[in-house]
Full PDB file with SEQRES, HELIX, SHEET, SSBOND, CRYST1, ORIGX, SCALE, CONECT and MASTER records, all heavy atoms in Angstrom:
SEQRES   1 A   32  ILE GLN GLN TYR THR GLU SER ASP GLU LEU HIS LEU GLU          
SEQRES   2 A   32  GLY TYR GLU GLY GLU GLY GLN LEU ILE GLY LEU LEU GLY          
SEQRES   3 A   32  TYR ILE HIS THR GLY ALA                                      
HELIX    1 AA1 GLN A    2  GLU A    6  1                                   5    
SHEET    1 AA1 2 HIS A  11  GLY A  17  0                                        
SHEET    2 AA1 2 GLN A  20  TYR A  27 -1                                        
CRYST1    1.000    1.000    1.000  90.00  90.00  90.00 P 1           1          
ORIGX1      1.000000  0.000000  0.000000        0.00000                         
ORIGX2      0.000000  1.000000  0.000000        0.00000                         
ORIGX3      0.000000  0.000000  1.000000        0.00000                         
SCALE1      1.000000  0.000000  0.000000        0.00000                         
SCALE2      0.000000  1.000000  0.000000        0.00000                         
SCALE3      0.000000  0.000000  1.000000        0.00000                         
ATOM      1  N   ILE A   1       0.842  -1.201   0.000  1.00  0.00           N  
ATOM      2  CA  ILE A   1       0.000   0.000   0.000  1.00  0.00           C  
ATOM      3  C   ILE A   1       0.874   1.246   0.000  1.00  0.00           C  
ATOM      4  O   ILE A   1       0.649   2.185  -0.766  1.00  0.00           O  
ATOM      5  CB  ILE A   1      -0.963  -0.009   1.202  1.00  0.00           C  
ATOM      6  CG1 ILE A   1      -2.012  -1.105   1.026  1.00  0.00           C  
ATOM      7  CG2 ILE A   1      -1.632   1.353   1.376  1.00  0.00           C  
ATOM      8  CD1 ILE A   1      -2.814  -1.401   2.278  1.00  0.00           C  
ATOM      9  N   GLN A   2       1.903   1.248   0.839  1.00  0.00           N  
ATOM     10  CA  GLN A   2       2.806   2.393   0.916  1.00  0.00           C  
ATOM     11  C   GLN A   2       3.525   2.609  -0.417  1.00  0.00           C  
ATOM     12  O   GLN A   2       3.660   3.742  -0.887  1.00  0.00           O  
ATOM     13  CB  GLN A   2       3.818   2.192   2.040  1.00  0.00           C  
ATOM     14  CG  GLN A   2       4.748   3.373   2.233  1.00  0.00           C  
ATOM     15  CD  GLN A   2       5.685   3.182   3.406  1.00  0.00           C  
ATOM     16  OE1 GLN A   2       5.642   2.181   4.123  1.00  0.00           O  
ATOM     17  NE2 GLN A   2       6.554   4.146   3.620  1.00  0.00           N  
ATOM     18  N   GLN A   3       3.983   1.533  -1.042  1.00  0.00           N  
ATOM     19  CA  GLN A   3       4.690   1.653  -2.322  1.00  0.00           C  
ATOM     20  C   GLN A   3       3.783   2.258  -3.395  1.00  0.00           C  
ATOM     21  O   GLN A   3       4.202   3.155  -4.130  1.00  0.00           O  
ATOM     22  CB  GLN A   3       5.210   0.292  -2.779  1.00  0.00           C  
ATOM     23  CG  GLN A   3       6.363  -0.210  -1.947  1.00  0.00           C  
ATOM     24  CD  GLN A   3       6.716  -1.651  -2.247  1.00  0.00           C  
ATOM     25  OE1 GLN A   3       5.984  -2.367  -2.916  1.00  0.00           O  
ATOM     26  NE2 GLN A   3       7.861  -2.100  -1.749  1.00  0.00           N  
ATOM     27  N   TYR A   4       2.547   1.779  -3.493  1.00  0.00           N  
ATOM     28  CA  TYR A   4       1.629   2.318  -4.501  1.00  0.00           C  
ATOM     29  C   TYR A   4       1.262   3.774  -4.197  1.00  0.00           C  
ATOM     30  O   TYR A   4       1.059   4.571  -5.102  1.00  0.00           O  
ATOM     31  CB  TYR A   4       0.369   1.459  -4.622  1.00  0.00           C  
ATOM     32  CG  TYR A   4       0.615   0.182  -5.379  1.00  0.00           C  
ATOM     33  CD1 TYR A   4       0.639  -1.039  -4.723  1.00  0.00           C  
ATOM     34  CD2 TYR A   4       0.846   0.194  -6.754  1.00  0.00           C  
ATOM     35  CE1 TYR A   4       0.880  -2.213  -5.417  1.00  0.00           C  
ATOM     36  CE2 TYR A   4       1.088  -0.973  -7.450  1.00  0.00           C  
ATOM     37  CZ  TYR A   4       1.104  -2.178  -6.779  1.00  0.00           C  
ATOM     38  OH  TYR A   4       1.351  -3.339  -7.465  1.00  0.00           O  
ATOM     39  N   THR A   5       1.185   4.109  -2.924  1.00  0.00           N  
ATOM     40  CA  THR A   5       0.852   5.472  -2.526  1.00  0.00           C  
ATOM     41  C   THR A   5       1.978   6.445  -2.856  1.00  0.00           C  
ATOM     42  O   THR A   5       1.729   7.553  -3.324  1.00  0.00           O  
ATOM     43  CB  THR A   5       0.540   5.522  -1.013  1.00  0.00           C  
ATOM     44  OG1 THR A   5      -0.543   4.628  -0.730  1.00  0.00           O  
ATOM     45  CG2 THR A   5       0.153   6.918  -0.573  1.00  0.00           C  
ATOM     46  N   GLU A   6       3.205   6.010  -2.636  1.00  0.00           N  
ATOM     47  CA  GLU A   6       4.349   6.919  -2.746  1.00  0.00           C  
ATOM     48  C   GLU A   6       5.001   6.953  -4.127  1.00  0.00           C  
ATOM     49  O   GLU A   6       5.675   7.920  -4.454  1.00  0.00           O  
ATOM     50  CB  GLU A   6       5.400   6.551  -1.702  1.00  0.00           C  
ATOM     51  CG  GLU A   6       4.916   6.769  -0.286  1.00  0.00           C  
ATOM     52  CD  GLU A   6       5.909   6.318   0.767  1.00  0.00           C  
ATOM     53  OE1 GLU A   6       6.976   5.753   0.414  1.00  0.00           O  
ATOM     54  OE2 GLU A   6       5.613   6.521   1.959  1.00  0.00           O  
ATOM     55  N   SER A   7       4.833   5.910  -4.938  1.00  0.00           N  
ATOM     56  CA  SER A   7       5.560   5.833  -6.204  1.00  0.00           C  
ATOM     57  C   SER A   7       4.680   6.190  -7.399  1.00  0.00           C  
ATOM     58  O   SER A   7       3.626   5.585  -7.610  1.00  0.00           O  
ATOM     59  CB  SER A   7       6.122   4.427  -6.405  1.00  0.00           C  
ATOM     60  OG  SER A   7       6.678   4.305  -7.699  1.00  0.00           O  
ATOM     61  N   ASP A   8       5.152   7.146  -8.185  1.00  0.00           N  
ATOM     62  CA  ASP A   8       4.452   7.478  -9.420  1.00  0.00           C  
ATOM     63  C   ASP A   8       4.721   6.447 -10.509  1.00  0.00           C  
ATOM     64  O   ASP A   8       3.991   6.371 -11.486  1.00  0.00           O  
ATOM     65  CB  ASP A   8       4.877   8.865  -9.919  1.00  0.00           C  
ATOM     66  CG  ASP A   8       4.354   9.981  -9.021  1.00  0.00           C  
ATOM     67  OD1 ASP A   8       3.334   9.766  -8.339  1.00  0.00           O  
ATOM     68  OD2 ASP A   8       4.980  11.060  -8.999  1.00  0.00           O  
ATOM     69  N   GLU A   9       5.797   5.665 -10.360  1.00  0.00           N  
ATOM     70  CA  GLU A   9       6.143   4.659 -11.362  1.00  0.00           C  
ATOM     71  C   GLU A   9       5.273   3.409 -11.264  1.00  0.00           C  
ATOM     72  O   GLU A   9       5.110   2.693 -12.254  1.00  0.00           O  
ATOM     73  CB  GLU A   9       7.622   4.251 -11.234  1.00  0.00           C  
ATOM     74  CG  GLU A   9       8.573   5.174 -11.970  1.00  0.00           C  
ATOM     75  CD  GLU A   9       8.909   6.409 -11.138  1.00  0.00           C  
ATOM     76  OE1 GLU A   9       9.309   6.233  -9.980  1.00  0.00           O  
ATOM     77  OE2 GLU A   9       8.749   7.520 -11.651  1.00  0.00           O  
ATOM     78  N   LEU A  10       4.779   3.113 -10.089  1.00  0.00           N  
ATOM     79  CA  LEU A  10       3.935   1.930  -9.900  1.00  0.00           C  
ATOM     80  C   LEU A  10       2.502   2.236 -10.326  1.00  0.00           C  
ATOM     81  O   LEU A  10       1.945   3.257  -9.930  1.00  0.00           O  
ATOM     82  CB  LEU A  10       3.944   1.490  -8.437  1.00  0.00           C  
ATOM     83  CG  LEU A  10       5.149   0.690  -7.972  1.00  0.00           C  
ATOM     84  CD1 LEU A  10       5.107   0.521  -6.455  1.00  0.00           C  
ATOM     85  CD2 LEU A  10       5.215  -0.655  -8.650  1.00  0.00           C  
ATOM     86  N   HIS A  11       1.927   1.340 -11.094  1.00  0.00           N  
ATOM     87  CA  HIS A  11       0.546   1.475 -11.555  1.00  0.00           C  
ATOM     88  C   HIS A  11      -0.299   0.410 -10.865  1.00  0.00           C  
ATOM     89  O   HIS A  11       0.137  -0.736 -10.717  1.00  0.00           O  
ATOM     90  CB  HIS A  11       0.462   1.281 -13.074  1.00  0.00           C  
ATOM     91  CG  HIS A  11       1.315   2.243 -13.826  1.00  0.00           C  
ATOM     92  ND1 HIS A  11       0.877   3.477 -14.219  1.00  0.00           N  
ATOM     93  CD2 HIS A  11       2.606   2.143 -14.248  1.00  0.00           C  
ATOM     94  CE1 HIS A  11       1.834   4.104 -14.867  1.00  0.00           C  
ATOM     95  NE2 HIS A  11       2.902   3.316 -14.890  1.00  0.00           N  
ATOM     96  N   LEU A  12      -1.493   0.769 -10.468  1.00  0.00           N  
ATOM     97  CA  LEU A  12      -2.423  -0.173  -9.864  1.00  0.00           C  
ATOM     98  C   LEU A  12      -3.763  -0.003 -10.570  1.00  0.00           C  
ATOM     99  O   LEU A  12      -4.380   1.057 -10.501  1.00  0.00           O  
ATOM    100  CB  LEU A  12      -2.577   0.082  -8.362  1.00  0.00           C  
ATOM    101  CG  LEU A  12      -3.421  -0.933  -7.598  1.00  0.00           C  
ATOM    102  CD1 LEU A  12      -2.782  -2.329  -7.633  1.00  0.00           C  
ATOM    103  CD2 LEU A  12      -3.623  -0.491  -6.158  1.00  0.00           C  
ATOM    104  N   GLU A  13      -4.163  -1.044 -11.274  1.00  0.00           N  
ATOM    105  CA  GLU A  13      -5.400  -0.985 -12.040  1.00  0.00           C  
ATOM    106  C   GLU A  13      -6.261  -2.187 -11.695  1.00  0.00           C  
ATOM    107  O   GLU A  13      -5.780  -3.181 -11.165  1.00  0.00           O  
ATOM    108  CB  GLU A  13      -5.077  -0.937 -13.542  1.00  0.00           C  
ATOM    109  CG  GLU A  13      -4.284   0.306 -13.893  1.00  0.00           C  
ATOM    110  CD  GLU A  13      -3.978   0.460 -15.366  1.00  0.00           C  
ATOM    111  OE1 GLU A  13      -4.260  -0.468 -16.152  1.00  0.00           O  
ATOM    112  OE2 GLU A  13      -3.456   1.517 -15.731  1.00  0.00           O  
ATOM    113  N   GLY A  14      -7.540  -2.060 -11.988  1.00  0.00           N  
ATOM    114  CA  GLY A  14      -8.450  -3.136 -11.638  1.00  0.00           C  
ATOM    115  C   GLY A  14      -9.501  -3.360 -12.696  1.00  0.00           C  
ATOM    116  O   GLY A  14      -9.654  -2.573 -13.629  1.00  0.00           O  
ATOM    117  N   TYR A  15     -10.232  -4.449 -12.513  1.00  0.00           N  
ATOM    118  CA  TYR A  15     -11.323  -4.803 -13.410  1.00  0.00           C  
ATOM    119  C   TYR A  15     -12.598  -4.897 -12.588  1.00  0.00           C  
ATOM    120  O   TYR A  15     -12.633  -5.585 -11.567  1.00  0.00           O  
ATOM    121  CB  TYR A  15     -11.049  -6.139 -14.109  1.00  0.00           C  
ATOM    122  CG  TYR A  15     -12.178  -6.532 -15.017  1.00  0.00           C  
ATOM    123  CD1 TYR A  15     -12.289  -5.958 -16.284  1.00  0.00           C  
ATOM    124  CD2 TYR A  15     -13.150  -7.430 -14.611  1.00  0.00           C  
ATOM    125  CE1 TYR A  15     -13.346  -6.279 -17.116  1.00  0.00           C  
ATOM    126  CE2 TYR A  15     -14.206  -7.756 -15.438  1.00  0.00           C  
ATOM    127  CZ  TYR A  15     -14.298  -7.188 -16.684  1.00  0.00           C  
ATOM    128  OH  TYR A  15     -15.341  -7.503 -17.508  1.00  0.00           O  
ATOM    129  N   GLU A  16     -13.625  -4.173 -13.014  1.00  0.00           N  
ATOM    130  CA  GLU A  16     -14.922  -4.218 -12.347  1.00  0.00           C  
ATOM    131  C   GLU A  16     -15.946  -4.892 -13.242  1.00  0.00           C  
ATOM    132  O   GLU A  16     -15.924  -4.713 -14.460  1.00  0.00           O  
ATOM    133  CB  GLU A  16     -15.410  -2.804 -12.012  1.00  0.00           C  
ATOM    134  CG  GLU A  16     -14.682  -2.168 -10.862  1.00  0.00           C  
ATOM    135  CD  GLU A  16     -15.254  -0.811 -10.475  1.00  0.00           C  
ATOM    136  OE1 GLU A  16     -15.698  -0.066 -11.370  1.00  0.00           O  
ATOM    137  OE2 GLU A  16     -15.264  -0.516  -9.269  1.00  0.00           O  
ATOM    138  N   GLY A  17     -16.824  -5.634 -12.617  1.00  0.00           N  
ATOM    139  CA  GLY A  17     -17.932  -6.262 -13.315  1.00  0.00           C  
ATOM    140  C   GLY A  17     -19.166  -6.206 -12.447  1.00  0.00           C  
ATOM    141  O   GLY A  17     -19.101  -6.510 -11.255  1.00  0.00           O  
ATOM    142  N   GLU A  18     -20.255  -5.767 -13.033  1.00  0.00           N  
ATOM    143  CA  GLU A  18     -21.531  -5.677 -12.310  1.00  0.00           C  
ATOM    144  C   GLU A  18     -21.385  -4.885 -11.013  1.00  0.00           C  
ATOM    145  O   GLU A  18     -21.909  -5.258  -9.961  1.00  0.00           O  
ATOM    146  CB  GLU A  18     -22.095  -7.067 -12.053  1.00  0.00           C  
ATOM    147  CG  GLU A  18     -22.366  -7.846 -13.333  1.00  0.00           C  
ATOM    148  CD  GLU A  18     -22.897  -9.244 -13.080  1.00  0.00           C  
ATOM    149  OE1 GLU A  18     -23.324  -9.543 -11.955  1.00  0.00           O  
ATOM    150  OE2 GLU A  18     -22.873 -10.036 -14.040  1.00  0.00           O  
ATOM    151  N   GLY A  19     -20.623  -3.783 -11.075  1.00  0.00           N  
ATOM    152  CA  GLY A  19     -20.478  -2.903  -9.927  1.00  0.00           C  
ATOM    153  C   GLY A  19     -19.566  -3.409  -8.832  1.00  0.00           C  
ATOM    154  O   GLY A  19     -19.498  -2.819  -7.751  1.00  0.00           O  
ATOM    155  N   GLN A  20     -18.847  -4.505  -9.084  1.00  0.00           N  
ATOM    156  CA  GLN A  20     -17.966  -5.076  -8.072  1.00  0.00           C  
ATOM    157  C   GLN A  20     -16.545  -5.136  -8.618  1.00  0.00           C  
ATOM    158  O   GLN A  20     -16.327  -5.467  -9.787  1.00  0.00           O  
ATOM    159  CB  GLN A  20     -18.427  -6.500  -7.714  1.00  0.00           C  
ATOM    160  CG  GLN A  20     -17.531  -7.181  -6.702  1.00  0.00           C  
ATOM    161  CD  GLN A  20     -17.909  -8.631  -6.465  1.00  0.00           C  
ATOM    162  OE1 GLN A  20     -18.492  -9.279  -7.318  1.00  0.00           O  
ATOM    163  NE2 GLN A  20     -17.571  -9.138  -5.302  1.00  0.00           N  
ATOM    164  N   LEU A  21     -15.574  -4.822  -7.762  1.00  0.00           N  
ATOM    165  CA  LEU A  21     -14.175  -4.970  -8.127  1.00  0.00           C  
ATOM    166  C   LEU A  21     -13.837  -6.457  -8.103  1.00  0.00           C  
ATOM    167  O   LEU A  21     -13.954  -7.110  -7.066  1.00  0.00           O  
ATOM    168  CB  LEU A  21     -13.282  -4.187  -7.159  1.00  0.00           C  
ATOM    169  CG  LEU A  21     -11.800  -4.156  -7.488  1.00  0.00           C  
ATOM    170  CD1 LEU A  21     -11.558  -3.484  -8.842  1.00  0.00           C  
ATOM    171  CD2 LEU A  21     -11.037  -3.437  -6.389  1.00  0.00           C  
ATOM    172  N   ILE A  22     -13.451  -6.995  -9.256  1.00  0.00           N  
ATOM    173  CA  ILE A  22     -13.222  -8.440  -9.402  1.00  0.00           C  
ATOM    174  C   ILE A  22     -11.741  -8.787  -9.332  1.00  0.00           C  
ATOM    175  O   ILE A  22     -11.365  -9.809  -8.790  1.00  0.00           O  
ATOM    176  CB  ILE A  22     -13.825  -8.929 -10.732  1.00  0.00           C  
ATOM    177  CG1 ILE A  22     -15.347  -8.811 -10.668  1.00  0.00           C  
ATOM    178  CG2 ILE A  22     -13.410 -10.361 -11.036  1.00  0.00           C  
ATOM    179  CD1 ILE A  22     -16.051  -9.101 -11.968  1.00  0.00           C  
ATOM    180  N   GLY A  23     -10.901  -7.915  -9.898  1.00  0.00           N  
ATOM    181  CA  GLY A  23      -9.478  -8.213  -9.921  1.00  0.00           C  
ATOM    182  C   GLY A  23      -8.650  -6.943  -9.956  1.00  0.00           C  
ATOM    183  O   GLY A  23      -9.158  -5.864 -10.259  1.00  0.00           O  
ATOM    184  N   LEU A  24      -7.356  -7.104  -9.618  1.00  0.00           N  
ATOM    185  CA  LEU A  24      -6.447  -5.974  -9.727  1.00  0.00           C  
ATOM    186  C   LEU A  24      -5.116  -6.439 -10.285  1.00  0.00           C  
ATOM    187  O   LEU A  24      -4.768  -7.611 -10.230  1.00  0.00           O  
ATOM    188  CB  LEU A  24      -6.279  -5.225  -8.415  1.00  0.00           C  
ATOM    189  CG  LEU A  24      -5.624  -5.853  -7.191  1.00  0.00           C  
ATOM    190  CD1 LEU A  24      -4.137  -6.106  -7.344  1.00  0.00           C  
ATOM    191  CD2 LEU A  24      -5.834  -4.952  -5.998  1.00  0.00           C  
ATOM    192  N   LEU A  25      -4.385  -5.467 -10.815  1.00  0.00           N  
ATOM    193  CA  LEU A  25      -3.105  -5.712 -11.464  1.00  0.00           C  
ATOM    194  C   LEU A  25      -2.191  -4.535 -11.150  1.00  0.00           C  
ATOM    195  O   LEU A  25      -2.533  -3.389 -11.455  1.00  0.00           O  
ATOM    196  CB  LEU A  25      -3.325  -5.827 -12.981  1.00  0.00           C  
ATOM    197  CG  LEU A  25      -2.133  -6.017 -13.882  1.00  0.00           C  
ATOM    198  CD1 LEU A  25      -1.509  -7.391 -13.644  1.00  0.00           C  
ATOM    199  CD2 LEU A  25      -2.574  -5.917 -15.338  1.00  0.00           C  
ATOM    200  N   GLY A  26      -1.071  -4.819 -10.492  1.00  0.00           N  
ATOM    201  CA  GLY A  26      -0.077  -3.795 -10.205  1.00  0.00           C  
ATOM    202  C   GLY A  26       1.156  -4.057 -11.045  1.00  0.00           C  
ATOM    203  O   GLY A  26       1.591  -5.196 -11.173  1.00  0.00           O  
ATOM    204  N   TYR A  27       1.726  -2.998 -11.623  1.00  0.00           N  
ATOM    205  CA  TYR A  27       2.874  -3.199 -12.510  1.00  0.00           C  
ATOM    206  C   TYR A  27       3.733  -1.946 -12.566  1.00  0.00           C  
ATOM    207  O   TYR A  27       3.341  -0.870 -12.116  1.00  0.00           O  
ATOM    208  CB  TYR A  27       2.407  -3.599 -13.909  1.00  0.00           C  
ATOM    209  CG  TYR A  27       1.547  -2.565 -14.612  1.00  0.00           C  
ATOM    210  CD1 TYR A  27       2.110  -1.621 -15.454  1.00  0.00           C  
ATOM    211  CD2 TYR A  27       0.166  -2.534 -14.412  1.00  0.00           C  
ATOM    212  CE1 TYR A  27       1.316  -0.675 -16.085  1.00  0.00           C  
ATOM    213  CE2 TYR A  27      -0.627  -1.597 -15.046  1.00  0.00           C  
ATOM    214  CZ  TYR A  27      -0.046  -0.666 -15.883  1.00  0.00           C  
ATOM    215  OH  TYR A  27      -0.823   0.278 -16.500  1.00  0.00           O  
ATOM    216  N   ILE A  28       4.918  -2.124 -13.153  1.00  0.00           N  
ATOM    217  CA  ILE A  28       5.866  -1.039 -13.333  1.00  0.00           C  
ATOM    218  C   ILE A  28       6.594  -1.247 -14.656  1.00  0.00           C  
ATOM    219  O   ILE A  28       6.837  -2.391 -15.057  1.00  0.00           O  
ATOM    220  CB  ILE A  28       6.859  -0.976 -12.142  1.00  0.00           C  
ATOM    221  CG1 ILE A  28       7.746   0.251 -12.227  1.00  0.00           C  
ATOM    222  CG2 ILE A  28       7.691  -2.255 -12.054  1.00  0.00           C  
ATOM    223  CD1 ILE A  28       8.569   0.511 -10.954  1.00  0.00           C  
ATOM    224  N   HIS A  29       6.930  -0.153 -15.308  1.00  0.00           N  
ATOM    225  CA  HIS A  29       7.759  -0.224 -16.511  1.00  0.00           C  
ATOM    226  C   HIS A  29       9.196  -0.388 -16.038  1.00  0.00           C  
ATOM    227  O   HIS A  29       9.723   0.487 -15.343  1.00  0.00           O  
ATOM    228  CB  HIS A  29       7.604   1.039 -17.359  1.00  0.00           C  
ATOM    229  CG  HIS A  29       6.246   1.168 -17.959  1.00  0.00           C  
ATOM    230  ND1 HIS A  29       5.920   0.649 -19.184  1.00  0.00           N  
ATOM    231  CD2 HIS A  29       5.113   1.721 -17.481  1.00  0.00           C  
ATOM    232  CE1 HIS A  29       4.646   0.896 -19.443  1.00  0.00           C  
ATOM    233  NE2 HIS A  29       4.133   1.546 -18.417  1.00  0.00           N  
ATOM    234  N   THR A  30       9.829  -1.506 -16.400  1.00  0.00           N  
ATOM    235  CA  THR A  30      11.180  -1.795 -15.932  1.00  0.00           C  
ATOM    236  C   THR A  30      12.210  -1.653 -17.041  1.00  0.00           C  
ATOM    237  O   THR A  30      13.364  -2.016 -16.870  1.00  0.00           O  
ATOM    238  CB  THR A  30      11.248  -3.209 -15.320  1.00  0.00           C  
ATOM    239  OG1 THR A  30      10.623  -4.138 -16.201  1.00  0.00           O  
ATOM    240  CG2 THR A  30      10.563  -3.238 -13.974  1.00  0.00           C  
ATOM    241  N   GLY A  31      11.799  -1.137 -18.163  1.00  0.00           N  
ATOM    242  CA  GLY A  31      12.692  -0.893 -19.289  1.00  0.00           C  
ATOM    243  C   GLY A  31      11.901  -0.182 -20.358  1.00  0.00           C  
ATOM    244  O   GLY A  31      10.691   0.002 -20.238  1.00  0.00           O  
ATOM    245  N   ALA A  32      12.576   0.215 -21.418  1.00  0.00           N  
ATOM    246  CA  ALA A  32      11.901   0.945 -22.489  1.00  0.00           C  
ATOM    247  C   ALA A  32      10.741   0.137 -23.064  1.00  0.00           C  
ATOM    248  O   ALA A  32       9.681   0.692 -23.349  1.00  0.00           O  
ATOM    249  CB  ALA A  32      12.899   1.291 -23.583  1.00  0.00           C  
TER     250      ALA A  32                                                      
MASTER        0    0    0    1    2    0    0    6  249    1    0    3          
END                                                                             
């Protein structure tokens, strides 16, 4: 939680279905 809050490089995205959060995906660009 702290890493996602503090880092602009880390992305946290999710998938919603029928008004519910079903999944999430956190990632970072580690090269070009």
